[in-house]
Amino acid sequence: MRDAYHEELDGLSDKLVEMTRLVRSAMTRASTALLDADLRLAEEVISCDEQVNKINTEIEETVFDLMARQQPVARDLRMLIAALRMSGDIERMGDLAVHLAKTARRRHPESAIPPELQATVLEMGQIAERMIAKAGSVIASHDVEMGLELDGDDDQMDRLHRKLFDALLSPKWRHGVEPAVDISLAGRYFERFADHAVHVAENVVYLVTGEHAADIAE
């Protein structure tokens, strides 16, 4: 019985890693759709989000079932609570990729991103992909040092987010209000995506060490 229980715990980690893989793919396609006005990719991101939602529901059901049957304590209880939190964060990351895809679809056949901001948004997409990939590795390996690295990646995303706003507020902005709103929202989606990746890593750090990431970093 205990072996089956621990297999179910290990299965939660496997499902979380699978969620990060799906969300990474969604972010890659959403970023490309946003920059290249690729309607096919945008529609793929939107339709495939159901896979992420399905795994999130499975994780929730497994956690509640294990809590009811096994009454876990100590590290096992931390694992279940962390799995719930991480699953919720990753599911919301998938939603943010969908928001980007819907922005691309709404602006089609034009690109939602004007030429002078394409490089910035491309870099934001690359950082987002790197962060979700790193979050998946942290879940799989329980690598605390790697988990702490995501805070630095988030700083890079915040810098680019501010750069977008500087461009929108510049007197040189010539694209009007509606594109400015779309870009402002897109920047927010990338920024929130990065925040959720940090939260995922922080939960792994707490699971492994029993300490909060902020306390370790000090």
N, C-alpha and C. Protein backbone atom coordinates (compact mmCIF):
# COMPACT_ATOMS: atom_id res chain seq x y z
N MET A 1 0.83 -1.21 0.00
CA MET A 1 0.00 0.00 0.00
C MET A 1 0.86 1.26 0.00
N ARG A 2 1.94 1.25 0.80
CA ARG A 2 2.80 2.44 0.86
C ARG A 2 3.52 2.65 -0.47
N ASP A 3 3.91 1.53 -1.13
CA ASP A 3 4.56 1.66 -2.43
C ASP A 3 3.62 2.31 -3.43
N ALA A 4 2.37 1.89 -3.43
CA ALA A 4 1.38 2.47 -4.34
C ALA A 4 1.17 3.95 -4.03
N TYR A 5 1.18 4.27 -2.76
CA TYR A 5 1.03 5.67 -2.33
C TYR A 5 2.16 6.52 -2.86
N HIS A 6 3.39 6.05 -2.72
CA HIS A 6 4.53 6.84 -3.18
C HIS A 6 4.61 6.88 -4.71
N GLU A 7 4.09 5.85 -5.37
CA GLU A 7 4.00 5.89 -6.83
C GLU A 7 3.04 6.99 -7.25
N GLU A 8 1.95 7.15 -6.51
CA GLU A 8 1.00 8.22 -6.81
C GLU A 8 1.63 9.59 -6.57
N LEU A 9 2.43 9.72 -5.53
CA LEU A 9 3.14 10.98 -5.28
C LEU A 9 4.10 11.28 -6.43
N ASP A 10 4.86 10.26 -6.86
CA ASP A 10 5.78 10.46 -7.97
C ASP A 10 5.01 10.81 -9.25
N GLY A 11 3.83 10.22 -9.39
CA GLY A 11 3.01 10.51 -10.57
C GLY A 11 2.58 11.97 -10.63
N LEU A 12 2.42 12.60 -9.48
CA LEU A 12 2.09 14.03 -9.46
C LEU A 12 3.21 14.85 -10.09
N SER A 13 4.45 14.53 -9.74
CA SER A 13 5.59 15.25 -10.32
C SER A 13 5.64 15.05 -11.83
N ASP A 14 5.38 13.81 -12.26
CA ASP A 14 5.39 13.53 -13.71
C ASP A 14 4.34 14.37 -14.43
N LYS A 15 3.16 14.48 -13.82
CA LYS A 15 2.09 15.26 -14.45
C LYS A 15 2.41 16.75 -14.47
N LEU A 16 3.04 17.22 -13.41
CA LEU A 16 3.45 18.63 -13.37
C LEU A 16 4.47 18.93 -14.46
N VAL A 17 5.44 18.02 -14.63
CA VAL A 17 6.44 18.21 -15.69
C VAL A 17 5.77 18.20 -17.06
N GLU A 18 4.79 17.30 -17.25
CA GLU A 18 4.07 17.26 -18.52
C GLU A 18 3.32 18.57 -18.75
N MET A 19 2.75 19.13 -17.72
CA MET A 19 2.09 20.43 -17.86
C MET A 19 3.07 21.50 -18.31
N THR A 20 4.26 21.51 -17.73
CA THR A 20 5.26 22.52 -18.14
C THR A 20 5.65 22.33 -19.60
N ARG A 21 5.72 21.07 -20.05
CA ARG A 21 6.07 20.81 -21.45
C ARG A 21 4.99 21.36 -22.38
N LEU A 22 3.74 21.12 -22.03
CA LEU A 22 2.64 21.61 -22.84
C LEU A 22 2.59 23.14 -22.85
N VAL A 23 2.81 23.74 -21.70
CA VAL A 23 2.76 25.20 -21.61
C VAL A 23 3.94 25.84 -22.34
N ARG A 24 5.09 25.19 -22.28
CA ARG A 24 6.24 25.72 -23.04
C ARG A 24 5.92 25.73 -24.53
N SER A 25 5.34 24.64 -25.02
CA SER A 25 4.96 24.57 -26.43
C SER A 25 3.94 25.66 -26.76
N ALA A 26 2.98 25.86 -25.85
CA ALA A 26 1.96 26.90 -26.07
C ALA A 26 2.59 28.28 -26.13
N MET A 27 3.53 28.56 -25.22
CA MET A 27 4.16 29.87 -25.21
C MET A 27 4.99 30.09 -26.48
N THR A 28 5.70 29.06 -26.92
CA THR A 28 6.49 29.18 -28.15
C THR A 28 5.59 29.55 -29.33
N ARG A 29 4.49 28.82 -29.46
CA ARG A 29 3.58 29.08 -30.57
C ARG A 29 2.85 30.41 -30.43
N ALA A 30 2.48 30.76 -29.19
CA ALA A 30 1.78 32.03 -28.99
C ALA A 30 2.68 33.22 -29.32
N SER A 31 3.94 33.14 -28.92
CA SER A 31 4.87 34.23 -29.22
C SER A 31 5.06 34.39 -30.72
N THR A 32 5.21 33.26 -31.41
CA THR A 32 5.37 33.31 -32.87
C THR A 32 4.12 33.86 -33.53
N ALA A 33 2.95 33.40 -33.06
CA ALA A 33 1.70 33.90 -33.62
C ALA A 33 1.56 35.40 -33.43
N LEU A 34 1.98 35.88 -32.27
CA LEU A 34 1.88 37.31 -31.96
C LEU A 34 2.77 38.13 -32.88
N LEU A 35 3.98 37.65 -33.10
CA LEU A 35 4.95 38.41 -33.90
C LEU A 35 4.69 38.28 -35.40
N ASP A 36 4.29 37.09 -35.82
CA ASP A 36 4.18 36.81 -37.26
C ASP A 36 2.75 36.83 -37.78
N ALA A 37 1.80 37.16 -36.92
CA ALA A 37 0.38 37.16 -37.32
C ALA A 37 -0.02 35.80 -37.89
N ASP A 38 0.41 34.74 -37.20
CA ASP A 38 0.16 33.37 -37.66
C ASP A 38 -1.13 32.86 -37.01
N LEU A 39 -2.20 32.91 -37.78
CA LEU A 39 -3.52 32.55 -37.25
C LEU A 39 -3.60 31.06 -36.90
N ARG A 40 -2.97 30.22 -37.70
CA ARG A 40 -3.01 28.78 -37.44
C ARG A 40 -2.39 28.46 -36.08
N LEU A 41 -1.24 29.03 -35.79
CA LEU A 41 -0.60 28.80 -34.50
C LEU A 41 -1.44 29.32 -33.36
N ALA A 42 -2.03 30.49 -33.56
CA ALA A 42 -2.87 31.07 -32.51
C ALA A 42 -4.03 30.13 -32.17
N GLU A 43 -4.68 29.60 -33.20
CA GLU A 43 -5.80 28.70 -32.97
C GLU A 43 -5.35 27.41 -32.28
N GLU A 44 -4.16 26.93 -32.61
CA GLU A 44 -3.63 25.72 -31.97
C GLU A 44 -3.44 25.94 -30.46
N VAL A 45 -2.89 27.09 -30.10
CA VAL A 45 -2.68 27.40 -28.69
C VAL A 45 -4.01 27.41 -27.94
N ILE A 46 -4.99 28.04 -28.54
CA ILE A 46 -6.30 28.17 -27.89
C ILE A 46 -6.95 26.80 -27.71
N SER A 47 -6.91 25.97 -28.76
CA SER A 47 -7.59 24.67 -28.70
C SER A 47 -6.85 23.67 -27.80
N CYS A 48 -5.52 23.77 -27.73
CA CYS A 48 -4.74 22.80 -26.95
C CYS A 48 -4.72 23.10 -25.46
N ASP A 49 -5.24 24.24 -25.06
CA ASP A 49 -5.22 24.58 -23.63
C ASP A 49 -6.04 23.60 -22.80
N GLU A 50 -6.99 22.93 -23.44
CA GLU A 50 -7.82 21.97 -22.73
C GLU A 50 -6.99 20.83 -22.15
N GLN A 51 -5.88 20.47 -22.82
CA GLN A 51 -5.01 19.42 -22.30
C GLN A 51 -4.41 19.82 -20.95
N VAL A 52 -3.98 21.07 -20.86
CA VAL A 52 -3.40 21.57 -19.62
C VAL A 52 -4.46 21.58 -18.52
N ASN A 53 -5.65 22.04 -18.86
CA ASN A 53 -6.73 22.08 -17.87
C ASN A 53 -7.09 20.69 -17.37
N LYS A 54 -7.05 19.71 -18.27
CA LYS A 54 -7.39 18.34 -17.91
C LYS A 54 -6.39 17.78 -16.90
N ILE A 55 -5.10 18.01 -17.14
CA ILE A 55 -4.09 17.51 -16.20
C ILE A 55 -4.20 18.23 -14.86
N ASN A 56 -4.49 19.51 -14.91
CA ASN A 56 -4.67 20.26 -13.66
C ASN A 56 -5.80 19.66 -12.83
N THR A 57 -6.90 19.30 -13.47
CA THR A 57 -8.03 18.68 -12.77
C THR A 57 -7.63 17.32 -12.20
N GLU A 58 -6.87 16.55 -12.98
CA GLU A 58 -6.42 15.23 -12.50
C GLU A 58 -5.53 15.37 -11.27
N ILE A 59 -4.66 16.37 -11.27
CA ILE A 59 -3.78 16.58 -10.11
C ILE A 59 -4.60 16.96 -8.89
N GLU A 60 -5.56 17.85 -9.06
CA GLU A 60 -6.41 18.25 -7.94
C GLU A 60 -7.14 17.05 -7.36
N GLU A 61 -7.70 16.21 -8.22
CA GLU A 61 -8.45 15.04 -7.75
C GLU A 61 -7.54 14.07 -7.01
N THR A 62 -6.33 13.86 -7.54
CA THR A 62 -5.38 12.95 -6.89
C THR A 62 -4.97 13.48 -5.52
N VAL A 63 -4.67 14.76 -5.44
CA VAL A 63 -4.25 15.35 -4.17
C VAL A 63 -5.33 15.21 -3.12
N PHE A 64 -6.56 15.56 -3.47
CA PHE A 64 -7.64 15.48 -2.49
C PHE A 64 -7.91 14.03 -2.07
N ASP A 65 -7.79 13.12 -3.03
CA ASP A 65 -7.99 11.71 -2.73
C ASP A 65 -6.91 11.19 -1.77
N LEU A 66 -5.64 11.55 -2.03
CA LEU A 66 -4.55 11.10 -1.16
C LEU A 66 -4.65 11.71 0.23
N MET A 67 -5.07 12.95 0.30
CA MET A 67 -5.24 13.57 1.61
C MET A 67 -6.32 12.85 2.42
N ALA A 68 -7.39 12.46 1.74
CA ALA A 68 -8.49 11.79 2.43
C ALA A 68 -8.12 10.38 2.86
N ARG A 69 -7.40 9.66 1.99
CA ARG A 69 -7.10 8.24 2.27
C ARG A 69 -5.87 8.03 3.13
N GLN A 70 -4.84 8.87 2.92
CA GLN A 70 -3.54 8.62 3.55
C GLN A 70 -3.23 9.53 4.74
N GLN A 71 -3.96 10.62 4.87
CA GLN A 71 -3.71 11.59 5.94
C GLN A 71 -2.20 11.87 6.08
N PRO A 72 -1.61 12.39 5.02
CA PRO A 72 -0.14 12.58 5.00
C PRO A 72 0.31 13.65 5.99
N VAL A 73 1.55 13.51 6.43
CA VAL A 73 2.15 14.49 7.33
C VAL A 73 3.54 14.84 6.81
N ALA A 74 4.13 15.87 7.43
CA ALA A 74 5.52 16.27 7.16
C ALA A 74 5.75 16.49 5.67
N ARG A 75 6.82 15.89 5.12
CA ARG A 75 7.23 16.17 3.75
C ARG A 75 6.17 15.75 2.73
N ASP A 76 5.48 14.63 2.98
CA ASP A 76 4.45 14.19 2.05
C ASP A 76 3.31 15.22 1.97
N LEU A 77 2.95 15.78 3.10
CA LEU A 77 1.91 16.80 3.10
C LEU A 77 2.38 18.04 2.35
N ARG A 78 3.65 18.42 2.57
CA ARG A 78 4.20 19.56 1.82
C ARG A 78 4.17 19.29 0.32
N MET A 79 4.47 18.04 -0.07
CA MET A 79 4.45 17.68 -1.48
C MET A 79 3.07 17.87 -2.08
N LEU A 80 2.05 17.43 -1.39
CA LEU A 80 0.69 17.54 -1.92
C LEU A 80 0.25 18.99 -2.03
N ILE A 81 0.54 19.76 -0.99
CA ILE A 81 0.17 21.18 -1.03
C ILE A 81 0.95 21.91 -2.13
N ALA A 82 2.24 21.60 -2.25
CA ALA A 82 3.06 22.22 -3.29
C ALA A 82 2.55 21.83 -4.67
N ALA A 83 2.16 20.57 -4.84
CA ALA A 83 1.64 20.12 -6.14
C ALA A 83 0.39 20.89 -6.54
N LEU A 84 -0.50 21.11 -5.57
CA LEU A 84 -1.70 21.91 -5.84
C LEU A 84 -1.34 23.31 -6.29
N ARG A 85 -0.42 23.93 -5.56
CA ARG A 85 -0.03 25.30 -5.89
C ARG A 85 0.65 25.38 -7.24
N MET A 86 1.57 24.45 -7.50
CA MET A 86 2.30 24.47 -8.77
C MET A 86 1.37 24.21 -9.95
N SER A 87 0.46 23.26 -9.76
CA SER A 87 -0.50 22.96 -10.82
C SER A 87 -1.33 24.19 -11.17
N GLY A 88 -1.76 24.91 -10.13
CA GLY A 88 -2.54 26.12 -10.37
C GLY A 88 -1.73 27.18 -11.10
N ASP A 89 -0.46 27.34 -10.70
CA ASP A 89 0.39 28.33 -11.38
C ASP A 89 0.61 27.95 -12.85
N ILE A 90 0.90 26.69 -13.10
CA ILE A 90 1.17 26.26 -14.48
C ILE A 90 -0.09 26.38 -15.33
N GLU A 91 -1.23 26.05 -14.75
CA GLU A 91 -2.49 26.19 -15.50
C GLU A 91 -2.73 27.64 -15.89
N ARG A 92 -2.41 28.56 -14.99
CA ARG A 92 -2.60 29.98 -15.30
C ARG A 92 -1.58 30.44 -16.35
N MET A 93 -0.39 29.84 -16.35
CA MET A 93 0.58 30.16 -17.40
C MET A 93 0.03 29.76 -18.76
N GLY A 94 -0.64 28.61 -18.80
CA GLY A 94 -1.28 28.20 -20.05
C GLY A 94 -2.34 29.20 -20.48
N ASP A 95 -3.11 29.70 -19.52
CA ASP A 95 -4.13 30.71 -19.84
C ASP A 95 -3.50 31.98 -20.41
N LEU A 96 -2.34 32.37 -19.88
CA LEU A 96 -1.66 33.57 -20.37
C LEU A 96 -1.17 33.38 -21.79
N ALA A 97 -0.71 32.18 -22.12
CA ALA A 97 -0.33 31.90 -23.51
C ALA A 97 -1.56 32.01 -24.41
N VAL A 98 -2.70 31.55 -23.92
CA VAL A 98 -3.94 31.67 -24.68
C VAL A 98 -4.30 33.14 -24.89
N HIS A 99 -4.14 33.97 -23.87
CA HIS A 99 -4.43 35.40 -24.02
C HIS A 99 -3.55 36.02 -25.12
N LEU A 100 -2.28 35.63 -25.16
CA LEU A 100 -1.39 36.12 -26.22
C LEU A 100 -1.89 35.66 -27.58
N ALA A 101 -2.30 34.40 -27.66
CA ALA A 101 -2.79 33.87 -28.93
C ALA A 101 -4.06 34.59 -29.38
N LYS A 102 -4.93 34.90 -28.44
CA LYS A 102 -6.16 35.63 -28.80
C LYS A 102 -5.86 37.04 -29.26
N THR A 103 -4.82 37.65 -28.69
CA THR A 103 -4.40 38.97 -29.16
C THR A 103 -3.93 38.87 -30.61
N ALA A 104 -3.13 37.83 -30.90
CA ALA A 104 -2.67 37.63 -32.27
C ALA A 104 -3.85 37.41 -33.21
N ARG A 105 -4.81 36.62 -32.78
CA ARG A 105 -5.99 36.36 -33.61
C ARG A 105 -6.82 37.61 -33.84
N ARG A 106 -6.95 38.42 -32.83
CA ARG A 106 -7.74 39.64 -32.93
C ARG A 106 -7.13 40.63 -33.92
N ARG A 107 -5.79 40.69 -33.97
CA ARG A 107 -5.11 41.65 -34.85
C ARG A 107 -4.87 41.11 -36.25
N HIS A 108 -5.05 39.81 -36.45
CA HIS A 108 -4.83 39.21 -37.76
C HIS A 108 -5.68 39.91 -38.83
N PRO A 109 -5.16 40.16 -40.04
CA PRO A 109 -3.90 39.64 -40.62
C PRO A 109 -2.66 40.49 -40.33
N GLU A 110 -2.81 41.54 -39.51
CA GLU A 110 -1.65 42.34 -39.15
C GLU A 110 -0.96 41.73 -37.92
N SER A 111 0.31 42.01 -37.77
CA SER A 111 1.00 41.63 -36.54
C SER A 111 0.57 42.57 -35.42
N ALA A 112 0.37 42.01 -34.24
CA ALA A 112 0.00 42.84 -33.10
C ALA A 112 1.17 43.68 -32.60
N ILE A 113 2.38 43.36 -33.06
CA ILE A 113 3.58 44.03 -32.57
C ILE A 113 4.23 44.83 -33.69
N PRO A 114 4.35 46.15 -33.56
CA PRO A 114 4.99 46.96 -34.61
C PRO A 114 6.48 46.63 -34.72
N PRO A 115 7.07 46.93 -35.87
CA PRO A 115 8.46 46.53 -36.14
C PRO A 115 9.45 46.95 -35.06
N GLU A 116 9.30 48.16 -34.52
CA GLU A 116 10.29 48.66 -33.57
C GLU A 116 10.24 47.94 -32.22
N LEU A 117 9.17 47.17 -31.96
CA LEU A 117 9.08 46.45 -30.69
C LEU A 117 9.21 44.94 -30.86
N GLN A 118 9.40 44.48 -32.09
CA GLN A 118 9.46 43.04 -32.34
C GLN A 118 10.62 42.39 -31.59
N ALA A 119 11.78 43.02 -31.58
CA ALA A 119 12.94 42.43 -30.92
C ALA A 119 12.70 42.30 -29.41
N THR A 120 12.06 43.29 -28.82
CA THR A 120 11.78 43.25 -27.38
C THR A 120 10.81 42.14 -27.06
N VAL A 121 9.75 42.02 -27.83
CA VAL A 121 8.75 40.98 -27.57
C VAL A 121 9.32 39.59 -27.86
N LEU A 122 10.15 39.50 -28.88
CA LEU A 122 10.81 38.22 -29.16
C LEU A 122 11.64 37.78 -27.95
N GLU A 123 12.38 38.71 -27.36
CA GLU A 123 13.19 38.38 -26.19
C GLU A 123 12.32 38.00 -25.00
N MET A 124 11.20 38.69 -24.84
CA MET A 124 10.28 38.33 -23.74
C MET A 124 9.77 36.91 -23.92
N GLY A 125 9.44 36.55 -25.16
CA GLY A 125 8.99 35.19 -25.43
C GLY A 125 10.07 34.16 -25.14
N GLN A 126 11.30 34.49 -25.50
CA GLN A 126 12.41 33.57 -25.26
C GLN A 126 12.66 33.37 -23.76
N ILE A 127 12.58 34.46 -23.01
CA ILE A 127 12.76 34.35 -21.55
C ILE A 127 11.63 33.52 -20.95
N ALA A 128 10.41 33.74 -21.43
CA ALA A 128 9.27 32.97 -20.92
C ALA A 128 9.47 31.48 -21.19
N GLU A 129 9.91 31.15 -22.39
CA GLU A 129 10.16 29.74 -22.73
C GLU A 129 11.25 29.16 -21.84
N ARG A 130 12.31 29.91 -21.64
CA ARG A 130 13.41 29.43 -20.80
C ARG A 130 12.95 29.21 -19.36
N MET A 131 12.11 30.10 -18.88
CA MET A 131 11.66 29.99 -17.49
C MET A 131 10.75 28.78 -17.27
N ILE A 132 9.84 28.52 -18.20
CA ILE A 132 8.96 27.37 -18.01
C ILE A 132 9.74 26.07 -18.18
N ALA A 133 10.73 26.07 -19.07
CA ALA A 133 11.58 24.88 -19.22
C ALA A 133 12.38 24.64 -17.94
N LYS A 134 12.90 25.72 -17.38
CA LYS A 134 13.68 25.61 -16.15
C LYS A 134 12.79 25.17 -15.00
N ALA A 135 11.57 25.68 -14.94
CA ALA A 135 10.63 25.28 -13.90
C ALA A 135 10.35 23.78 -13.98
N GLY A 136 10.18 23.26 -15.20
CA GLY A 136 9.97 21.83 -15.37
C GLY A 136 11.16 21.01 -14.89
N SER A 137 12.35 21.49 -15.19
CA SER A 137 13.56 20.80 -14.73
C SER A 137 13.68 20.81 -13.22
N VAL A 138 13.30 21.94 -12.61
CA VAL A 138 13.35 22.05 -11.15
C VAL A 138 12.38 21.07 -10.50
N ILE A 139 11.18 20.95 -11.08
CA ILE A 139 10.21 19.99 -10.54
C ILE A 139 10.75 18.56 -10.63
N ALA A 140 11.34 18.23 -11.78
CA ALA A 140 11.82 16.86 -12.01
C ALA A 140 13.04 16.52 -11.15
N SER A 141 13.93 17.51 -10.97
CA SER A 141 15.22 17.24 -10.31
C SER A 141 15.29 17.67 -8.85
N HIS A 142 14.33 18.55 -8.45
CA HIS A 142 14.38 19.14 -7.10
C HIS A 142 15.70 19.90 -6.90
N ASP A 143 16.16 20.54 -7.95
CA ASP A 143 17.42 21.29 -7.92
C ASP A 143 17.16 22.67 -7.34
N VAL A 144 17.53 22.87 -6.09
CA VAL A 144 17.26 24.13 -5.40
C VAL A 144 18.02 25.29 -6.05
N GLU A 145 19.28 25.06 -6.40
CA GLU A 145 20.09 26.12 -7.00
C GLU A 145 19.47 26.62 -8.30
N MET A 146 19.01 25.69 -9.13
CA MET A 146 18.34 26.10 -10.37
C MET A 146 17.05 26.84 -10.08
N GLY A 147 16.33 26.37 -9.05
CA GLY A 147 15.09 27.03 -8.69
C GLY A 147 15.29 28.49 -8.30
N LEU A 148 16.38 28.76 -7.62
CA LEU A 148 16.68 30.13 -7.20
C LEU A 148 17.07 31.01 -8.37
N GLU A 149 17.52 30.40 -9.47
CA GLU A 149 17.93 31.17 -10.65
C GLU A 149 16.76 31.89 -11.32
N LEU A 150 15.57 31.36 -11.15
CA LEU A 150 14.43 31.93 -11.87
C LEU A 150 14.12 33.35 -11.46
N ASP A 151 14.49 33.71 -10.25
CA ASP A 151 14.26 35.08 -9.81
C ASP A 151 15.06 36.06 -10.66
N GLY A 152 16.28 35.67 -11.04
CA GLY A 152 17.09 36.52 -11.91
C GLY A 152 16.50 36.61 -13.31
N ASP A 153 15.95 35.49 -13.81
CA ASP A 153 15.28 35.52 -15.11
C ASP A 153 14.07 36.46 -15.08
N ASP A 154 13.38 36.45 -13.95
CA ASP A 154 12.21 37.32 -13.80
C ASP A 154 12.62 38.79 -13.83
N ASP A 155 13.78 39.11 -13.28
CA ASP A 155 14.27 40.48 -13.33
C ASP A 155 14.47 40.93 -14.78
N GLN A 156 14.97 40.02 -15.62
CA GLN A 156 15.14 40.35 -17.04
C GLN A 156 13.79 40.62 -17.70
N MET A 157 12.79 39.82 -17.36
CA MET A 157 11.46 40.02 -17.92
C MET A 157 10.88 41.36 -17.47
N ASP A 158 11.07 41.69 -16.21
CA ASP A 158 10.58 42.97 -15.70
C ASP A 158 11.24 44.14 -16.43
N ARG A 159 12.52 44.01 -16.72
CA ARG A 159 13.24 45.07 -17.45
C ARG A 159 12.64 45.27 -18.83
N LEU A 160 12.36 44.19 -19.52
CA LEU A 160 11.77 44.28 -20.87
C LEU A 160 10.34 44.81 -20.81
N HIS A 161 9.62 44.44 -19.75
CA HIS A 161 8.26 44.95 -19.58
C HIS A 161 8.27 46.47 -19.45
N ARG A 162 9.22 46.98 -18.67
CA ARG A 162 9.35 48.44 -18.52
C ARG A 162 9.75 49.08 -19.85
N LYS A 163 10.57 48.39 -20.61
CA LYS A 163 11.00 48.91 -21.91
C LYS A 163 9.80 49.07 -22.86
N LEU A 164 8.89 48.13 -22.81
CA LEU A 164 7.68 48.24 -23.62
C LEU A 164 6.88 49.48 -23.24
N PHE A 165 6.71 49.68 -21.94
CA PHE A 165 5.93 50.84 -21.49
C PHE A 165 6.61 52.15 -21.86
N ASP A 166 7.92 52.16 -21.79
CA ASP A 166 8.64 53.37 -22.20
C ASP A 166 8.33 53.72 -23.65
N ALA A 167 8.26 52.69 -24.50
CA ALA A 167 7.96 52.91 -25.92
C ALA A 167 6.53 53.41 -26.10
N LEU A 168 5.60 52.85 -25.34
CA LEU A 168 4.20 53.25 -25.46
C LEU A 168 3.98 54.69 -24.99
N LEU A 169 4.75 55.11 -24.02
CA LEU A 169 4.59 56.45 -23.46
C LEU A 169 5.44 57.49 -24.18
N SER A 170 6.25 57.05 -25.11
CA SER A 170 7.13 57.97 -25.83
C SER A 170 6.32 58.87 -26.78
N PRO A 171 6.72 60.12 -26.92
CA PRO A 171 6.06 61.00 -27.90
C PRO A 171 6.24 60.50 -29.34
N LYS A 172 7.16 59.57 -29.54
CA LYS A 172 7.40 59.02 -30.88
C LYS A 172 6.39 57.93 -31.24
N TRP A 173 5.57 57.50 -30.26
CA TRP A 173 4.59 56.44 -30.55
C TRP A 173 3.59 56.94 -31.59
N ARG A 174 3.40 56.16 -32.65
CA ARG A 174 2.59 56.65 -33.78
C ARG A 174 1.53 55.63 -34.22
N HIS A 175 1.29 54.62 -33.39
CA HIS A 175 0.41 53.53 -33.84
C HIS A 175 -1.00 53.61 -33.28
N GLY A 176 -1.29 54.60 -32.47
CA GLY A 176 -2.65 54.77 -31.97
C GLY A 176 -2.94 54.02 -30.68
N VAL A 177 -4.20 54.14 -30.25
CA VAL A 177 -4.59 53.65 -28.93
C VAL A 177 -4.79 52.14 -28.92
N GLU A 178 -5.50 51.59 -29.90
CA GLU A 178 -5.81 50.16 -29.85
C GLU A 178 -4.56 49.29 -29.86
N PRO A 179 -3.60 49.53 -30.75
CA PRO A 179 -2.36 48.75 -30.68
C PRO A 179 -1.62 48.94 -29.34
N ALA A 180 -1.68 50.14 -28.80
CA ALA A 180 -1.02 50.39 -27.52
C ALA A 180 -1.65 49.55 -26.42
N VAL A 181 -2.97 49.41 -26.44
CA VAL A 181 -3.66 48.58 -25.44
C VAL A 181 -3.25 47.12 -25.60
N ASP A 182 -3.23 46.64 -26.85
CA ASP A 182 -2.85 45.25 -27.10
C ASP A 182 -1.43 44.96 -26.61
N ILE A 183 -0.52 45.87 -26.89
CA ILE A 183 0.88 45.66 -26.50
C ILE A 183 1.03 45.75 -24.98
N SER A 184 0.30 46.68 -24.38
CA SER A 184 0.32 46.80 -22.92
C SER A 184 -0.16 45.51 -22.27
N LEU A 185 -1.24 44.94 -22.79
CA LEU A 185 -1.75 43.68 -22.25
C LEU A 185 -0.79 42.53 -22.50
N ALA A 186 -0.22 42.48 -23.70
CA ALA A 186 0.73 41.41 -24.02
C ALA A 186 1.93 41.46 -23.07
N GLY A 187 2.43 42.66 -22.83
CA GLY A 187 3.54 42.80 -21.90
C GLY A 187 3.18 42.30 -20.51
N ARG A 188 1.96 42.59 -20.10
CA ARG A 188 1.49 42.13 -18.79
C ARG A 188 1.38 40.60 -18.76
N TYR A 189 0.92 40.01 -19.86
CA TYR A 189 0.81 38.55 -19.91
C TYR A 189 2.18 37.90 -19.78
N PHE A 190 3.17 38.42 -20.48
CA PHE A 190 4.53 37.87 -20.36
C PHE A 190 5.05 38.03 -18.93
N GLU A 191 4.82 39.20 -18.36
CA GLU A 191 5.33 39.49 -17.01
C GLU A 191 4.69 38.57 -15.98
N ARG A 192 3.38 38.34 -16.10
CA ARG A 192 2.70 37.44 -15.17
C ARG A 192 3.14 36.00 -15.38
N PHE A 193 3.36 35.60 -16.62
CA PHE A 193 3.86 34.26 -16.92
C PHE A 193 5.16 34.00 -16.16
N ALA A 194 6.06 34.97 -16.21
CA ALA A 194 7.33 34.84 -15.51
C ALA A 194 7.13 34.75 -14.00
N ASP A 195 6.21 35.54 -13.47
CA ASP A 195 5.93 35.50 -12.03
C ASP A 195 5.47 34.11 -11.60
N HIS A 196 4.60 33.50 -12.41
CA HIS A 196 4.11 32.17 -12.07
C HIS A 196 5.23 31.13 -12.11
N ALA A 197 6.14 31.28 -13.06
CA ALA A 197 7.28 30.36 -13.13
C ALA A 197 8.12 30.46 -11.86
N VAL A 198 8.31 31.68 -11.38
CA VAL A 198 9.05 31.87 -10.13
C VAL A 198 8.32 31.20 -8.97
N HIS A 199 7.00 31.34 -8.92
CA HIS A 199 6.21 30.72 -7.85
C HIS A 199 6.37 29.20 -7.86
N VAL A 200 6.38 28.62 -9.07
CA VAL A 200 6.56 27.16 -9.18
C VAL A 200 7.90 26.76 -8.56
N ALA A 201 8.95 27.46 -8.95
CA ALA A 201 10.28 27.14 -8.42
C ALA A 201 10.34 27.34 -6.92
N GLU A 202 9.71 28.39 -6.42
CA GLU A 202 9.71 28.65 -4.98
C GLU A 202 9.04 27.52 -4.20
N ASN A 203 8.00 26.95 -4.77
CA ASN A 203 7.33 25.83 -4.11
C ASN A 203 8.23 24.61 -4.04
N VAL A 204 9.02 24.38 -5.09
CA VAL A 204 9.96 23.25 -5.06
C VAL A 204 11.04 23.51 -4.01
N VAL A 205 11.55 24.73 -3.95
CA VAL A 205 12.57 25.08 -2.96
C VAL A 205 12.03 24.84 -1.56
N TYR A 206 10.81 25.25 -1.31
CA TYR A 206 10.22 25.04 0.02
C TYR A 206 10.02 23.56 0.30
N LEU A 207 9.61 22.82 -0.71
CA LEU A 207 9.40 21.38 -0.54
C LEU A 207 10.70 20.69 -0.13
N VAL A 208 11.79 21.05 -0.79
CA VAL A 208 13.07 20.37 -0.55
C VAL A 208 13.71 20.81 0.76
N THR A 209 13.67 22.12 1.03
CA THR A 209 14.45 22.67 2.16
C THR A 209 13.60 22.98 3.39
N GLY A 210 12.31 23.16 3.20
CA GLY A 210 11.47 23.61 4.31
C GLY A 210 11.61 25.10 4.57
N GLU A 211 12.36 25.79 3.70
CA GLU A 211 12.58 27.23 3.84
C GLU A 211 12.02 27.95 2.61
N HIS A 212 11.67 29.22 2.81
CA HIS A 212 11.21 30.03 1.69
C HIS A 212 12.40 30.53 0.88
N ALA A 213 12.21 30.62 -0.42
CA ALA A 213 13.30 31.00 -1.33
C ALA A 213 13.89 32.35 -0.94
N ALA A 214 13.06 33.29 -0.53
CA ALA A 214 13.55 34.62 -0.17
C ALA A 214 14.51 34.55 1.02
N ASP A 215 14.26 33.65 1.96
CA ASP A 215 15.11 33.52 3.13
C ASP A 215 16.46 32.91 2.74
N ILE A 216 16.45 31.96 1.80
CA ILE A 216 17.69 31.32 1.36
C ILE A 216 18.55 32.31 0.59
N ALA A 217 17.91 33.15 -0.21
CA ALA A 217 18.64 34.08 -1.08
C ALA A 217 19.33 35.19 -0.28
N GLU A 218 18.87 35.46 0.91
CA GLU A 218 19.41 36.59 1.69
C GLU A 218 20.82 36.34 2.15
